[in-house]
C-alpha atoms as a PDB file:
ATOM      1  CA  MET A   1       7.689   0.595  -7.611  1.00  0.00           C
ATOM      2  CA  SER A   2       6.126   4.055  -7.418  1.00  0.00           C
ATOM      3  CA  ARG A   3       3.928   5.618 -10.004  1.00  0.00           C
ATOM      4  CA  ARG A   4       4.995   9.175 -11.406  1.00  0.00           C
ATOM      5  CA  ARG A   5       2.292  11.749 -10.492  1.00  0.00           C
ATOM      6  CA  TYR A   6       2.319  13.254 -13.846  1.00  0.00           C
ATOM      7  CA  VAL A   7       2.576  11.618 -17.374  1.00  0.00           C
ATOM      8  CA  ALA A   8       2.058  12.559 -20.858  1.00  0.00           C
ATOM      9  CA  ARG A   9      -0.222  10.103 -22.930  1.00  0.00           C
ATOM     10  CA  GLY A  10      -1.041  10.028 -26.224  1.00  0.00           C
ATOM     11  CA  VAL A  11      -4.636  10.706 -27.388  1.00  0.00           C
ATOM     12  CA  PRO A  12      -6.587  11.130 -30.131  1.00  0.00           C
ATOM     13  CA  GLY A  13      -5.185  14.307 -32.009  1.00  0.00           C
ATOM     14  CA  GLY A  14      -2.368  14.328 -29.600  1.00  0.00           C
ATOM     15  CA  TYR A  15      -1.161  14.611 -26.280  1.00  0.00           C
ATOM     16  CA  ARG A  16      -2.301  15.226 -23.098  1.00  0.00           C
ATOM     17  CA  ILE A  17      -1.049  15.019 -19.431  1.00  0.00           C
ATOM     18  CA  TRP A  18      -2.438  12.703 -16.973  1.00  0.00           C
ATOM     19  CA  ASP A  19      -2.409  13.392 -13.341  1.00  0.00           C
ATOM     20  CA  ASN A  20      -2.201   9.569 -11.732  1.00  0.00           C
ATOM     21  CA  ARG A  21      -2.793  11.304  -8.065  1.00  0.00           C
ATOM     22  CA  GLY A  22      -6.412  13.245  -9.050  1.00  0.00           C
ATOM     23  CA  ARG A  23      -6.832  10.498 -11.901  1.00  0.00           C
ATOM     24  CA  ARG A  24      -7.895  13.451 -14.192  1.00  0.00           C
ATOM     25  CA  TRP A  25      -6.276  15.260 -17.131  1.00  0.00           C
ATOM     26  CA  TRP A  26      -4.513  18.160 -16.441  1.00  0.00           C
ATOM     27  CA  GLY A  27      -3.746  20.808 -18.818  1.00  0.00           C
ATOM     28  CA  ASP A  28      -4.530  21.476 -22.528  1.00  0.00           C
ATOM     29  CA  LEU A  29      -4.437  18.847 -25.420  1.00  0.00           C
ATOM     30  CA  TYR A  30      -0.898  19.453 -27.688  1.00  0.00           C
ATOM     31  CA  GLU A  31      -0.787  18.481 -31.246  1.00  0.00           C
ATOM     32  CA  LEU A  32       2.682  17.934 -30.819  1.00  0.00           C
ATOM     33  CA  CYS A  33       4.365  17.202 -27.361  1.00  0.00           C
ATOM     34  CA  PRO A  34       7.000  19.730 -26.726  1.00  0.00           C
ATOM     35  CA  ASP A  35      10.525  17.906 -25.972  1.00  0.00           C
ATOM     36  CA  ASP A  36      11.086  20.169 -22.837  1.00  0.00           C
ATOM     37  CA  LEU A  37       7.847  19.298 -21.498  1.00  0.00           C
ATOM     38  CA  LEU A  38       7.766  15.883 -22.211  1.00  0.00           C
ATOM     39  CA  SER A  39      11.375  15.686 -20.273  1.00  0.00           C
ATOM     40  CA  GLU A  40       9.898  17.206 -17.076  1.00  0.00           C
ATOM     41  CA  LEU A  41       7.232  14.851 -17.032  1.00  0.00           C
ATOM     42  CA  ASN A  42       9.558  11.894 -17.709  1.00  0.00           C
ATOM     43  CA  GLY A  43      12.400  13.135 -15.338  1.00  0.00           C
ATOM     44  CA  ARG A  44      11.833  15.277 -12.305  1.00  0.00           C
ATOM     45  CA  ALA A  45       8.084  16.133 -12.322  1.00  0.00           C
ATOM     46  CA  ASP A  46       8.971  19.353 -10.681  1.00  0.00           C
ATOM     47  CA  LEU A  47       4.855  20.765 -10.576  1.00  0.00           C
ATOM     48  CA  SER A  48       6.503  24.584 -10.668  1.00  0.00           C
ATOM     49  CA  ARG A  49       8.328  23.850 -14.282  1.00  0.00           C
ATOM     50  CA  ILE A  50       5.630  21.763 -15.469  1.00  0.00           C
ATOM     51  CA  THR A  51       3.180  24.638 -14.750  1.00  0.00           C
ATOM     52  CA  ALA A  52       5.564  27.391 -16.415  1.00  0.00           C
ATOM     53  CA  LEU A  53       6.379  25.136 -19.249  1.00  0.00           C
ATOM     54  CA  MET A  54       2.500  24.880 -20.005  1.00  0.00           C
ATOM     55  CA  LYS A  55       1.641  28.429 -19.709  1.00  0.00           C
ATOM     56  CA  HIS A  56       4.664  29.338 -22.063  1.00  0.00           C
ATOM     57  CA  TYR A  57       3.056  26.764 -24.724  1.00  0.00           C
ATOM     58  CA  ARG A  58      -0.117  28.211 -24.028  1.00  0.00           C
ATOM     59  CA  ALA A  59       0.734  31.805 -24.512  1.00  0.00           C
ATOM     60  CA  HIS A  60       2.493  30.459 -27.772  1.00  0.00           C
ATOM     61  CA  GLY A  61      -0.497  28.854 -29.137  1.00  0.00           C
ATOM     62  CA  ARG A  62       1.170  25.604 -29.254  1.00  0.00           C
END
């Protein structure tokens, strides 16, 4: 079974995105993990879509 590259993980204060290949946190801390971002991470995990969603939520202060 292959491991997904990006996964959302719960951390104190919310959720962060973990990069399994780079073995580091990627992106911002979210108090609430947006449903569409979580769905993308657990689904196709398209990097361009994940990046676009993160930029969207960062711009809106979420």
